[in-house]
Amino acid sequence: MTSTAPTAPSARRRWAGLVFISIAVALIIVDSTIINVAIPSIVDDLGITSTQVQWVQESYTLVFAALLLVFGTLADRFGRRRILVLGVIVFATASVFAAFSQSGDLLILARLIQGVGGAMVLPTTLSIINATFRGRDRGIAFAIWGSTIGGMVAVGPLLGGWLTTYFSWRWAFGINVPLGIVIIIGVLVFVVESRDAGEPRRVDVVGAILSVITSASLVFGLIEGRTYGWWLTNNTPTFGDWTWPYSWSIIPFVFLLTIVSGIAFVAWGRYRQRAGQTTLLAFSLFAIPSFRNGNIAAMIVSLGEFGIILSLPLWLQNVLGYDALQTGFVLLALALGSFVASGLSGAFGNKTSPETIVRMGIVAEIIGVTGLGIVITAEATWLVVVPFLFVYGIGVGLATAQLTGVVLKDVPVAQSGQGSGTSSTARQIGSALGIAVLGTVLFTAVGASLDAKLSSVPGLPAQTQTQIVDAVVNSAGSAIPALEAQSPAVADAAREAFSDGTRYSAFAAAGFLVLGFLATLRLSGTAPYHEQREEEAAGDNVTTTRTSGEPV
């Protein structure tokens, strides 16, 4: 199977196309963060619970992660530009339904459909870059792509804060429609179509189903564990007319399903590979050290990076009392740090290996997140938060931009769709796990801390104490301002408890980033893998194959 590369577009057209590819990436990344600052307004408007708050985030991220591999493969087969455009259309259409949602369940459904569109966009943008650019230009293009992700992580909250404060949270979704139109026109004009040549490959349907079951069950278990109970049933789950009949919680069985389906996915993929059939996951690519180790590092780093973005906006608004726009301005420090990092990355690019820059970025992230955990208190102000967010943003910019290039630098163009889909999947699985794990840490810690603090409030009945804890946790903190009028002492306890949960969530994120840093120690700054293989082949008087950077 060979790859049909773009027909030598001019340099100006390639870079113009990259602009609209970057806007497409920005669209789906912004949408994963723009809603964070709008959550308190959505809670007030639609009356959603803290579990639904997590699902508003997870429904998008989960489907996103589960389908990246599928659409990465489909893009190679049917055309990368075609899948990109179709994905933007699906995403923009789902955004309209999200904007008009009248209940939490309808909003979650719309977010699920958005996830489908996002999964069509992200791997195709990487694959187009991999197939369009060569040599030094490819490295620059990957750096721009990665910096766009890092910057949009924080621009999203600022944009969402402005729209929520002066218009409505619904415009946080409505803005995707005009942006989608701009992207579609720009991509059709400036991006040349490319696809795999030769006989069309069959899509691994069984592998796709197993991958969806694996990721969906894992995230469901992590989010719903505190609701249904980790071992014994707290709340009996009901699905339609069927009710869970056992005293054992459903969660251990869900995790068992994760393990079984995960093992089946790997076994099935290896079987198809031995039979010479196409696989959803390019298992052969994992023989490339940069690809294998880079994906492991990317997944762990994403787990620590994006999970903290869930708790910070809630804390800034419900504890410190900032509105959505003020919250966006505070989080803008992260975006500024990321943009500064793009300049630093360019300055160090010719003197320092990408692997070293990745490690520098993760160290900066660890410093930033740990600092946040230290300074977060109920009495804190934006002045103590912004410096650490800035440092954290520098780390995100350095690590994200360079890690993408490290992972894909040795992937052949013919497998760029699968390679970029695998890389994006690793990141999104990490992001989904980050939101699930750190969100669970946040709300569990808030509940435990508030329960302990209310025990020392004189004259507070146990039943009332339980109701207050449930109200604060289930509302994701939005009930705290209302408590002030009823009892300042209880409101103070709630603010301190929510600060405790946010702090523990930050420390947990720092712990995962430390693991991500350790994973990067397996990355080598040696010559590209394909060049090593060619040198070995030349030494054995064997005809060398083309490099991954050469057009076919």
Protein backbone atom coordinates (compact mmCIF):
# COMPACT_ATOMS: atom_id res chain seq x y z
CA MET A 1 0.00 0.00 0.00
CA THR A 2 1.43 3.33 -1.04
CA SER A 3 0.26 6.82 -0.30
CA THR A 4 -0.87 9.38 -2.82
CA ALA A 5 0.87 12.54 -1.68
CA PRO A 6 -0.37 16.01 -2.58
CA THR A 7 0.55 17.09 -6.10
CA ALA A 8 3.42 19.44 -5.24
CA PRO A 9 1.40 22.45 -4.09
CA SER A 10 3.28 25.71 -4.02
CA ALA A 11 4.95 26.77 -0.78
CA ARG A 12 2.51 29.66 -0.39
CA ARG A 13 -0.46 27.33 -0.80
CA ARG A 14 0.94 24.81 1.69
CA TRP A 15 1.40 27.44 4.40
CA ALA A 16 -1.99 29.01 3.66
CA GLY A 17 -3.51 25.55 4.01
CA LEU A 18 -1.73 25.13 7.34
CA VAL A 19 -3.49 28.28 8.60
CA PHE A 20 -6.91 26.72 8.06
CA ILE A 21 -5.75 23.35 9.36
CA SER A 22 -4.63 25.11 12.53
CA ILE A 23 -7.99 26.88 12.81
CA ALA A 24 -9.69 23.47 12.51
CA VAL A 25 -7.52 22.14 15.34
CA ALA A 26 -8.26 25.26 17.37
CA LEU A 27 -11.99 24.75 16.85
CA ILE A 28 -12.11 21.29 18.42
CA ILE A 29 -9.55 22.03 21.15
CA VAL A 30 -11.29 25.27 22.14
CA ASP A 31 -14.57 23.40 22.38
CA SER A 32 -13.04 20.95 24.86
CA THR A 33 -12.11 23.86 27.17
CA ILE A 34 -14.51 26.70 26.32
CA ILE A 35 -17.29 25.03 28.24
CA ASN A 36 -15.36 24.93 31.52
CA VAL A 37 -16.07 28.54 32.45
CA ALA A 38 -19.66 28.18 31.24
CA ILE A 39 -20.39 25.19 33.49
CA PRO A 40 -21.70 27.24 36.47
CA SER A 41 -24.14 29.05 34.16
CA ILE A 42 -25.20 25.73 32.61
CA VAL A 43 -25.74 24.28 36.10
CA ASP A 44 -27.96 27.23 37.02
CA ASP A 45 -29.85 27.20 33.72
CA LEU A 46 -30.34 23.47 33.17
CA GLY A 47 -30.00 22.23 36.76
CA ILE A 48 -27.42 19.55 35.98
CA THR A 49 -25.62 17.55 38.68
CA SER A 50 -21.88 17.22 39.30
CA THR A 51 -21.93 13.81 37.60
CA GLN A 52 -23.57 15.40 34.56
CA VAL A 53 -20.94 18.14 34.73
CA GLN A 54 -18.28 15.48 34.23
CA TRP A 55 -20.30 13.84 31.47
CA VAL A 56 -20.72 17.13 29.61
CA GLN A 57 -16.93 17.05 29.36
CA GLU A 58 -16.48 13.30 29.05
CA SER A 59 -19.21 12.62 26.46
CA TYR A 60 -17.18 14.74 24.03
CA THR A 61 -13.76 13.47 25.03
CA LEU A 62 -14.81 9.83 25.29
CA VAL A 63 -16.30 9.56 21.80
CA PHE A 64 -13.41 11.66 20.52
CA ALA A 65 -10.86 9.20 21.89
CA ALA A 66 -12.81 6.08 20.91
CA LEU A 67 -13.17 7.01 17.21
CA LEU A 68 -9.82 8.64 16.42
CA LEU A 69 -8.30 5.38 15.19
CA VAL A 70 -11.33 4.64 13.00
CA PHE A 71 -11.31 7.99 11.25
CA GLY A 72 -7.52 8.05 10.97
CA THR A 73 -7.82 4.87 8.89
CA LEU A 74 -10.83 6.10 6.91
CA ALA A 75 -8.97 9.30 6.06
CA ASP A 76 -6.11 7.30 4.54
CA ARG A 77 -8.61 5.33 2.48
CA PHE A 78 -11.21 7.89 1.34
CA GLY A 79 -9.20 11.10 1.37
CA ARG A 80 -7.82 13.16 4.21
CA ARG A 81 -9.26 16.50 3.12
CA ARG A 82 -12.67 14.92 2.52
CA ILE A 83 -12.86 13.45 6.03
CA LEU A 84 -11.64 16.75 7.51
CA VAL A 85 -14.38 18.75 5.79
CA LEU A 86 -17.05 16.19 6.71
CA GLY A 87 -15.87 16.27 10.31
CA VAL A 88 -16.19 20.06 10.48
CA ILE A 89 -19.73 19.82 9.10
CA VAL A 90 -20.73 17.22 11.72
CA PHE A 91 -19.09 19.25 14.47
CA ALA A 92 -20.78 22.51 13.51
CA THR A 93 -24.19 20.83 13.14
CA ALA A 94 -23.89 19.23 16.59
CA SER A 95 -22.91 22.63 17.99
CA VAL A 96 -26.27 24.01 16.88
CA PHE A 97 -28.09 21.26 18.80
CA ALA A 98 -25.89 21.91 21.86
CA ALA A 99 -26.70 25.62 21.74
CA PHE A 100 -30.44 24.91 21.80
CA SER A 101 -30.37 22.12 24.40
CA GLN A 102 -33.07 22.42 27.06
CA SER A 103 -31.81 19.71 29.42
CA GLY A 104 -28.56 18.19 30.62
CA ASP A 105 -29.27 14.93 28.78
CA LEU A 106 -29.81 16.70 25.45
CA LEU A 107 -26.61 18.69 25.95
CA ILE A 108 -24.67 15.50 26.65
CA LEU A 109 -26.14 13.91 23.50
CA ALA A 110 -25.08 16.91 21.43
CA ARG A 111 -21.60 16.68 22.93
CA LEU A 112 -21.45 13.01 21.91
CA ILE A 113 -22.11 13.99 18.29
CA GLN A 114 -19.55 16.77 18.55
CA GLY A 115 -17.05 14.13 19.63
CA VAL A 116 -17.70 12.24 16.38
CA GLY A 117 -16.93 15.36 14.35
CA GLY A 118 -13.85 16.14 16.43
CA ALA A 119 -12.54 12.61 15.92
CA MET A 120 -12.81 13.13 12.17
CA VAL A 121 -10.88 16.39 12.30
CA LEU A 122 -7.88 15.89 14.59
CA PRO A 123 -6.10 12.85 13.06
CA THR A 124 -6.68 14.12 9.52
CA THR A 125 -4.99 17.44 10.30
CA LEU A 126 -1.90 15.59 11.49
CA SER A 127 -2.01 13.22 8.53
CA ILE A 128 -2.31 16.09 6.04
CA ILE A 129 0.70 17.83 7.59
CA ASN A 130 2.68 14.57 7.52
CA ALA A 131 1.84 14.06 3.84
CA THR A 132 2.24 17.68 2.71
CA PHE A 133 5.41 18.97 4.37
CA ARG A 134 8.96 17.67 4.13
CA GLY A 135 12.20 18.11 6.02
CA ARG A 136 12.59 21.25 8.12
CA ASP A 137 9.20 22.58 6.99
CA ARG A 138 7.52 19.53 8.51
CA GLY A 139 9.11 20.24 11.88
CA ILE A 140 7.93 23.85 11.76
CA ALA A 141 4.43 22.75 10.74
CA PHE A 142 4.24 20.27 13.63
CA ALA A 143 5.44 22.97 16.02
CA ILE A 144 2.69 25.33 14.82
CA TRP A 145 0.12 22.53 15.16
CA GLY A 146 1.25 21.71 18.69
CA SER A 147 1.46 25.33 19.80
CA THR A 148 -2.07 25.86 18.52
CA ILE A 149 -3.28 23.11 20.86
CA GLY A 150 -1.39 24.52 23.81
CA GLY A 151 -2.64 28.05 23.25
CA MET A 152 -6.24 27.11 22.58
CA VAL A 153 -6.44 25.19 25.87
CA ALA A 154 -6.52 28.59 27.60
CA VAL A 155 -8.02 30.81 24.89
CA GLY A 156 -11.13 28.61 25.11
CA PRO A 157 -11.96 29.67 28.69
CA LEU A 158 -11.38 33.35 27.84
CA LEU A 159 -13.66 33.17 24.82
CA GLY A 160 -16.21 31.15 26.77
CA GLY A 161 -16.09 33.63 29.64
CA TRP A 162 -16.71 36.58 27.34
CA LEU A 163 -19.61 34.89 25.57
CA THR A 164 -21.16 33.62 28.80
CA THR A 165 -20.87 36.95 30.62
CA TYR A 166 -22.14 39.26 27.88
CA PHE A 167 -24.36 36.92 25.88
CA SER A 168 -25.17 33.35 26.99
CA TRP A 169 -23.41 30.05 27.52
CA ARG A 170 -25.25 28.88 24.41
CA TRP A 171 -23.04 31.12 22.25
CA ALA A 172 -20.06 29.09 23.43
CA PHE A 173 -21.42 26.50 20.99
CA GLY A 174 -23.03 28.83 18.47
CA ILE A 175 -19.71 30.44 17.58
CA ASN A 176 -18.58 27.13 16.05
CA VAL A 177 -20.90 27.58 13.07
CA PRO A 178 -19.27 30.66 11.45
CA LEU A 179 -15.82 29.31 12.28
CA GLY A 180 -16.75 26.00 10.65
CA ILE A 181 -17.79 27.77 7.46
CA VAL A 182 -14.46 29.65 7.31
CA ILE A 183 -12.53 26.40 7.81
CA ILE A 184 -14.42 24.51 5.10
CA ILE A 185 -13.88 27.25 2.51
CA GLY A 186 -10.19 27.63 3.37
CA VAL A 187 -9.47 23.89 3.34
CA LEU A 188 -11.23 23.36 0.00
CA VAL A 189 -9.27 26.23 -1.57
CA PHE A 190 -5.77 25.69 -0.16
CA VAL A 191 -5.44 22.03 0.96
CA VAL A 192 -4.73 19.41 -1.70
CA GLU A 193 -6.45 16.04 -1.33
CA SER A 194 -4.30 13.00 -0.50
CA ARG A 195 -5.07 9.34 0.19
CA ASP A 196 -3.55 5.89 0.06
CA ALA A 197 -3.16 4.53 -3.47
CA GLY A 198 -3.83 0.96 -4.47
CA GLU A 199 -6.60 -1.43 -3.53
CA PRO A 200 -8.96 0.03 -0.89
CA ARG A 201 -8.50 -1.46 2.56
CA ARG A 202 -11.35 -2.88 4.61
CA VAL A 203 -12.05 -1.17 7.89
CA ASP A 204 -11.47 -3.34 10.96
CA VAL A 205 -15.05 -3.21 12.28
CA VAL A 206 -14.45 -5.71 15.11
CA GLY A 207 -11.39 -3.77 16.26
CA ALA A 208 -13.37 -0.52 16.17
CA ILE A 209 -16.14 -2.01 18.34
CA LEU A 210 -13.64 -3.42 20.85
CA SER A 211 -11.77 -0.12 21.10
CA VAL A 212 -15.01 1.78 21.77
CA ILE A 213 -16.08 -0.72 24.46
CA THR A 214 -12.66 -0.55 26.12
CA SER A 215 -12.43 3.24 26.34
CA ALA A 216 -16.13 3.78 27.11
CA SER A 217 -16.25 1.26 29.96
CA LEU A 218 -13.02 2.58 31.50
CA VAL A 219 -14.17 6.20 31.61
CA PHE A 220 -17.69 5.22 32.73
CA GLY A 221 -16.26 3.29 35.66
CA LEU A 222 -13.96 6.12 36.72
CA ILE A 223 -16.70 8.75 36.61
CA GLU A 224 -19.60 6.76 38.05
CA GLY A 225 -17.61 4.93 40.73
CA ARG A 226 -18.35 7.54 43.39
CA THR A 227 -22.05 7.49 42.42
CA TYR A 228 -22.72 3.75 42.31
CA GLY A 229 -19.99 2.64 44.73
CA TRP A 230 -16.55 1.21 44.02
CA TRP A 231 -17.28 -2.22 45.53
CA LEU A 232 -20.73 -2.28 47.13
CA THR A 233 -23.77 -0.60 45.65
CA ASN A 234 -24.46 2.91 46.98
CA ASN A 235 -27.12 3.84 44.46
CA THR A 236 -28.79 1.15 42.41
CA PRO A 237 -28.22 1.83 38.68
CA THR A 238 -31.27 1.68 36.44
CA PHE A 239 -31.16 1.50 32.65
CA GLY A 240 -34.63 1.82 31.20
CA ASP A 241 -36.82 -0.87 32.80
CA TRP A 242 -33.85 -2.91 34.03
CA THR A 243 -32.42 -2.44 37.53
CA TRP A 244 -29.08 -3.74 38.83
CA PRO A 245 -30.08 -6.68 41.08
CA TYR A 246 -26.91 -7.26 43.13
CA SER A 247 -25.45 -5.82 46.33
CA TRP A 248 -22.06 -5.72 44.60
CA SER A 249 -21.58 -2.50 42.69
CA ILE A 250 -21.71 -2.52 38.91
CA ILE A 251 -18.37 -0.70 38.76
CA PRO A 252 -16.04 -3.73 39.30
CA PHE A 253 -17.88 -5.52 36.49
CA VAL A 254 -17.45 -2.48 34.25
CA PHE A 255 -13.70 -2.48 34.89
CA LEU A 256 -13.64 -6.24 34.19
CA LEU A 257 -15.27 -5.49 30.85
CA THR A 258 -12.53 -2.92 30.21
CA ILE A 259 -9.80 -5.50 30.83
CA VAL A 260 -11.45 -8.25 28.76
CA SER A 261 -12.26 -5.99 25.81
CA GLY A 262 -8.79 -4.43 25.93
CA ILE A 263 -7.09 -7.81 25.80
CA ALA A 264 -9.45 -8.91 23.02
CA PHE A 265 -8.65 -5.74 21.04
CA VAL A 266 -4.90 -6.41 21.17
CA ALA A 267 -5.30 -10.13 20.43
CA TRP A 268 -7.64 -9.46 17.50
CA GLY A 269 -5.35 -6.82 16.05
CA ARG A 270 -2.28 -9.04 16.24
CA TYR A 271 -4.23 -11.88 14.62
CA ARG A 272 -5.24 -9.69 11.70
CA GLN A 273 -1.70 -8.39 11.37
CA ARG A 274 -0.29 -11.94 11.14
CA ALA A 275 -2.95 -12.72 8.54
CA GLY A 276 -1.80 -9.76 6.45
CA GLN A 277 -5.04 -7.86 7.00
CA THR A 278 -5.43 -4.21 7.95
CA THR A 279 -5.76 -3.35 11.62
CA LEU A 280 -7.33 -0.40 13.37
CA LEU A 281 -4.17 0.17 15.39
CA ALA A 282 -0.90 0.08 13.46
CA PHE A 283 0.78 -2.50 15.68
CA SER A 284 3.81 -2.60 13.39
CA LEU A 285 4.49 1.06 14.18
CA PHE A 286 5.14 0.18 17.81
CA ALA A 287 8.38 -1.44 16.67
CA ILE A 288 9.60 2.14 16.10
CA PRO A 289 11.04 3.32 19.45
CA SER A 290 10.15 7.00 18.96
CA PHE A 291 6.54 6.11 18.16
CA ARG A 292 6.11 3.61 20.99
CA ASN A 293 7.75 5.58 23.77
CA GLY A 294 6.41 8.90 22.56
CA ASN A 295 2.81 7.69 22.70
CA ILE A 296 3.24 6.35 26.22
CA ALA A 297 4.66 9.70 27.32
CA ALA A 298 1.94 11.66 25.47
CA MET A 299 -0.86 9.72 27.15
CA ILE A 300 0.51 10.19 30.67
CA VAL A 301 1.33 13.86 30.11
CA SER A 302 -2.16 14.56 28.73
CA LEU A 303 -3.66 12.91 31.78
CA GLY A 304 -1.92 15.44 34.00
CA GLU A 305 -2.29 18.41 31.64
CA PHE A 306 -5.96 18.64 30.88
CA GLY A 307 -7.56 17.22 34.01
CA ILE A 308 -6.70 20.31 36.08
CA ILE A 309 -8.57 22.53 33.59
CA LEU A 310 -11.84 21.02 34.88
CA SER A 311 -11.41 22.10 38.51
CA LEU A 312 -9.78 25.54 38.19
CA PRO A 313 -12.72 27.41 36.56
CA LEU A 314 -15.13 25.94 39.10
CA TRP A 315 -12.89 27.05 41.96
CA LEU A 316 -12.31 30.54 40.55
CA GLN A 317 -16.02 31.20 40.14
CA ASN A 318 -17.62 29.38 43.07
CA VAL A 319 -14.94 30.05 45.71
CA LEU A 320 -13.27 33.31 44.70
CA GLY A 321 -16.47 34.72 43.21
CA TYR A 322 -15.13 35.66 39.78
CA ASP A 323 -17.51 35.81 36.84
CA ALA A 324 -16.95 33.82 33.67
CA LEU A 325 -15.03 36.58 31.88
CA GLN A 326 -12.76 37.25 34.85
CA THR A 327 -12.08 33.52 35.03
CA GLY A 328 -11.16 33.54 31.35
CA PHE A 329 -8.70 36.37 31.89
CA VAL A 330 -7.02 34.48 34.73
CA LEU A 331 -6.67 31.39 32.56
CA LEU A 332 -5.30 33.56 29.74
CA ALA A 333 -1.97 33.37 31.58
CA LEU A 334 -1.79 29.76 30.45
CA ALA A 335 -2.27 30.77 26.81
CA LEU A 336 0.36 33.50 27.08
CA GLY A 337 2.81 30.99 28.50
CA SER A 338 2.09 28.62 25.64
CA PHE A 339 2.67 31.32 23.01
CA VAL A 340 5.94 32.30 24.71
CA ALA A 341 6.92 28.64 24.56
CA SER A 342 6.49 28.60 20.77
CA GLY A 343 9.15 31.30 20.53
CA LEU A 344 11.43 29.49 22.96
CA SER A 345 10.97 26.28 21.02
CA GLY A 346 12.07 28.00 17.82
CA ALA A 347 15.10 29.53 19.53
CA PHE A 348 16.23 26.22 21.00
CA GLY A 349 15.14 24.13 18.02
CA ASN A 350 18.49 24.10 16.22
CA LYS A 351 20.57 23.74 19.39
CA THR A 352 18.58 21.31 21.51
CA SER A 353 17.01 17.97 20.62
CA PRO A 354 13.18 17.77 20.57
CA GLU A 355 13.33 15.15 23.33
CA THR A 356 15.17 17.55 25.62
CA ILE A 357 12.66 20.31 24.90
CA VAL A 358 9.83 17.91 25.77
CA ARG A 359 11.46 17.16 29.13
CA MET A 360 12.00 20.86 29.81
CA GLY A 361 8.32 21.45 29.10
CA ILE A 362 7.13 18.73 31.45
CA VAL A 363 9.38 20.01 34.24
CA ALA A 364 7.83 23.47 33.78
CA GLU A 365 4.36 21.90 33.94
CA ILE A 366 5.23 20.08 37.16
CA ILE A 367 6.49 23.33 38.73
CA GLY A 368 3.38 25.22 37.62
CA VAL A 369 0.82 22.65 38.79
CA THR A 370 2.59 21.99 42.08
CA GLY A 371 2.74 25.74 42.70
CA LEU A 372 -0.99 25.98 42.06
CA GLY A 373 -1.62 23.26 44.60
CA ILE A 374 0.42 25.18 47.17
CA VAL A 375 -1.22 28.61 46.70
CA ILE A 376 -4.85 27.50 46.27
CA THR A 377 -6.81 28.50 49.37
CA ALA A 378 -10.23 30.01 50.03
CA GLU A 379 -8.52 33.40 50.58
CA ALA A 380 -6.28 33.31 47.49
CA THR A 381 -6.44 35.89 44.70
CA TRP A 382 -5.59 35.85 41.02
CA LEU A 383 -2.21 37.43 41.79
CA VAL A 384 -0.85 34.22 43.31
CA VAL A 385 -2.45 31.97 40.69
CA VAL A 386 -1.41 33.70 37.45
CA PRO A 387 2.41 33.24 37.75
CA PHE A 388 2.09 29.48 38.15
CA LEU A 389 -0.44 29.27 35.32
CA PHE A 390 2.05 31.13 33.12
CA VAL A 391 4.83 28.67 33.96
CA TYR A 392 2.43 25.81 33.38
CA GLY A 393 1.49 27.27 29.98
CA ILE A 394 5.14 27.45 28.96
CA GLY A 395 5.44 23.78 29.80
CA VAL A 396 2.32 22.85 27.83
CA GLY A 397 3.58 24.77 24.80
CA LEU A 398 7.04 23.19 24.85
CA ALA A 399 5.91 19.64 25.52
CA THR A 400 2.89 19.52 23.20
CA ALA A 401 4.56 21.02 20.14
CA GLN A 402 7.70 18.90 20.25
CA LEU A 403 6.15 15.65 21.43
CA THR A 404 3.96 15.47 18.35
CA GLY A 405 6.97 15.68 16.05
CA VAL A 406 8.89 13.10 18.12
CA VAL A 407 6.05 10.60 17.91
CA LEU A 408 5.49 10.90 14.15
CA LYS A 409 8.98 11.67 12.86
CA ASP A 410 9.64 8.07 11.75
CA VAL A 411 6.12 7.12 10.62
CA PRO A 412 5.91 6.36 6.87
CA VAL A 413 3.59 8.64 4.91
CA ALA A 414 1.53 5.61 3.81
CA GLN A 415 0.64 5.00 7.47
CA SER A 416 0.35 8.63 8.53
CA GLY A 417 -3.40 8.36 9.08
CA GLN A 418 -3.04 5.39 11.39
CA GLY A 419 0.02 6.89 13.03
CA SER A 420 -1.57 10.26 13.69
CA GLY A 421 -4.80 8.55 14.77
CA THR A 422 -2.86 6.45 17.27
CA SER A 423 -0.97 9.50 18.53
CA SER A 424 -4.15 11.52 18.91
CA THR A 425 -5.89 8.58 20.58
CA ALA A 426 -3.12 8.30 23.16
CA ARG A 427 -3.52 12.00 23.96
CA GLN A 428 -7.31 11.88 24.11
CA ILE A 429 -7.39 8.75 26.25
CA GLY A 430 -5.01 10.55 28.58
CA SER A 431 -7.26 13.64 28.56
CA ALA A 432 -10.38 11.55 29.19
CA LEU A 433 -8.69 9.73 32.06
CA GLY A 434 -7.44 13.04 33.42
CA ILE A 435 -10.93 14.52 33.53
CA ALA A 436 -12.35 11.32 35.00
CA VAL A 437 -9.63 10.70 37.58
CA LEU A 438 -8.98 14.28 38.64
CA GLY A 439 -12.68 15.10 38.56
CA THR A 440 -13.31 12.16 40.88
CA VAL A 441 -10.44 13.32 43.13
CA LEU A 442 -11.95 16.82 43.20
CA PHE A 443 -15.52 15.92 44.10
CA THR A 444 -14.61 13.07 46.45
CA ALA A 445 -12.18 15.30 48.34
CA VAL A 446 -14.71 18.16 48.48
CA GLY A 447 -17.34 15.86 49.95
CA ALA A 448 -15.02 14.33 52.56
CA SER A 449 -13.51 17.68 53.56
CA LEU A 450 -16.86 19.47 53.82
CA ASP A 451 -18.36 16.63 55.84
CA ALA A 452 -15.48 16.87 58.33
CA LYS A 453 -15.68 20.68 58.56
CA LEU A 454 -19.46 20.75 59.07
CA SER A 455 -19.13 18.32 61.95
CA SER A 456 -17.54 21.15 63.95
CA VAL A 457 -20.33 23.65 63.19
CA PRO A 458 -22.46 23.90 66.37
CA GLY A 459 -26.17 23.10 66.19
CA LEU A 460 -26.09 21.60 62.70
CA PRO A 461 -28.22 18.40 62.50
CA ALA A 462 -26.65 15.38 60.80
CA GLN A 463 -29.40 15.26 58.17
CA THR A 464 -28.89 18.92 57.28
CA GLN A 465 -25.14 18.34 57.12
CA THR A 466 -25.62 15.53 54.61
CA GLN A 467 -27.97 17.68 52.51
CA ILE A 468 -25.43 20.51 52.39
CA VAL A 469 -22.60 18.19 51.36
CA ASP A 470 -24.76 16.64 48.62
CA ALA A 471 -25.86 20.07 47.39
CA VAL A 472 -22.30 21.41 47.12
CA VAL A 473 -20.91 18.27 45.46
CA ASN A 474 -23.85 17.63 43.11
CA SER A 475 -23.89 21.27 41.98
CA ALA A 476 -20.11 21.21 41.35
CA GLY A 477 -19.78 24.05 43.86
CA SER A 478 -22.48 26.29 42.38
CA ALA A 479 -24.50 26.03 45.62
CA ILE A 480 -21.76 27.78 47.64
CA PRO A 481 -22.81 31.42 46.93
CA ALA A 482 -26.38 30.65 48.02
CA LEU A 483 -25.16 29.27 51.35
CA GLU A 484 -23.74 32.68 52.29
CA ALA A 485 -27.22 34.12 52.91
CA GLN A 486 -28.25 31.14 55.05
CA SER A 487 -25.11 30.65 57.13
CA PRO A 488 -21.76 32.43 56.60
CA ALA A 489 -20.01 29.75 58.68
CA VAL A 490 -21.34 26.97 56.45
CA ALA A 491 -20.42 28.95 53.30
CA ASP A 492 -16.88 29.45 54.60
CA ALA A 493 -16.59 25.73 55.29
CA ALA A 494 -17.81 24.96 51.78
CA ARG A 495 -15.28 27.35 50.20
CA GLU A 496 -12.46 25.82 52.23
CA ALA A 497 -13.58 22.30 51.31
CA PHE A 498 -13.77 23.13 47.58
CA SER A 499 -10.30 24.69 47.81
CA ASP A 500 -9.06 21.49 49.45
CA GLY A 501 -10.49 19.39 46.61
CA THR A 502 -8.98 21.67 43.96
CA ARG A 503 -5.61 21.53 45.71
CA TYR A 504 -5.63 17.72 45.91
CA SER A 505 -6.61 17.58 42.23
CA ALA A 506 -3.60 19.78 41.37
CA PHE A 507 -1.21 17.59 43.36
CA ALA A 508 -2.62 14.49 41.67
CA ALA A 509 -2.04 16.13 38.26
CA ALA A 510 1.55 16.90 39.26
CA GLY A 511 2.04 13.26 40.20
CA PHE A 512 0.92 12.09 36.76
CA LEU A 513 3.20 14.64 35.10
CA VAL A 514 6.13 13.22 37.06
CA LEU A 515 5.27 9.80 35.61
CA GLY A 516 5.10 11.40 32.17
CA PHE A 517 8.57 12.89 32.66
CA LEU A 518 9.94 9.47 33.61
CA ALA A 519 8.36 8.04 30.47
CA THR A 520 10.21 10.60 28.31
CA LEU A 521 13.52 9.24 29.56
CA ARG A 522 12.87 6.36 27.16
CA LEU A 523 12.89 8.78 24.22
CA SER A 524 16.14 8.83 22.31
CA GLY A 525 17.60 11.83 20.56
CA THR A 526 19.48 9.68 18.05
CA ALA A 527 19.03 9.66 14.30
CA PRO A 528 15.59 8.85 12.95
CA TYR A 529 14.64 5.19 13.07
CA HIS A 530 14.27 4.80 9.34
CA GLU A 531 17.80 6.20 8.82
CA GLN A 532 19.22 3.69 11.29
CA ARG A 533 17.46 0.87 9.47
CA GLU A 534 18.80 2.05 6.13
CA GLU A 535 22.34 2.26 7.48
CA GLU A 536 22.05 -1.30 8.82
CA ALA A 537 20.69 -2.46 5.49
CA ALA A 538 23.50 -0.73 3.61
CA GLY A 539 26.01 -2.44 5.87
CA ASP A 540 24.57 -5.78 4.88
CA ASN A 541 24.55 -4.87 1.17
CA VAL A 542 20.75 -4.82 1.22
CA THR A 543 18.81 -2.37 -0.93
CA THR A 544 17.45 0.39 1.28
CA THR A 545 13.83 1.47 1.32
CA ARG A 546 12.55 5.02 1.08
CA THR A 547 12.55 7.20 4.16
CA SER A 548 9.33 8.22 5.82
CA GLY A 549 9.86 11.80 4.75
CA GLU A 550 10.11 11.09 1.01
CA PRO A 551 7.12 11.27 -1.29
CA VAL A 552 6.19 8.04 -2.99
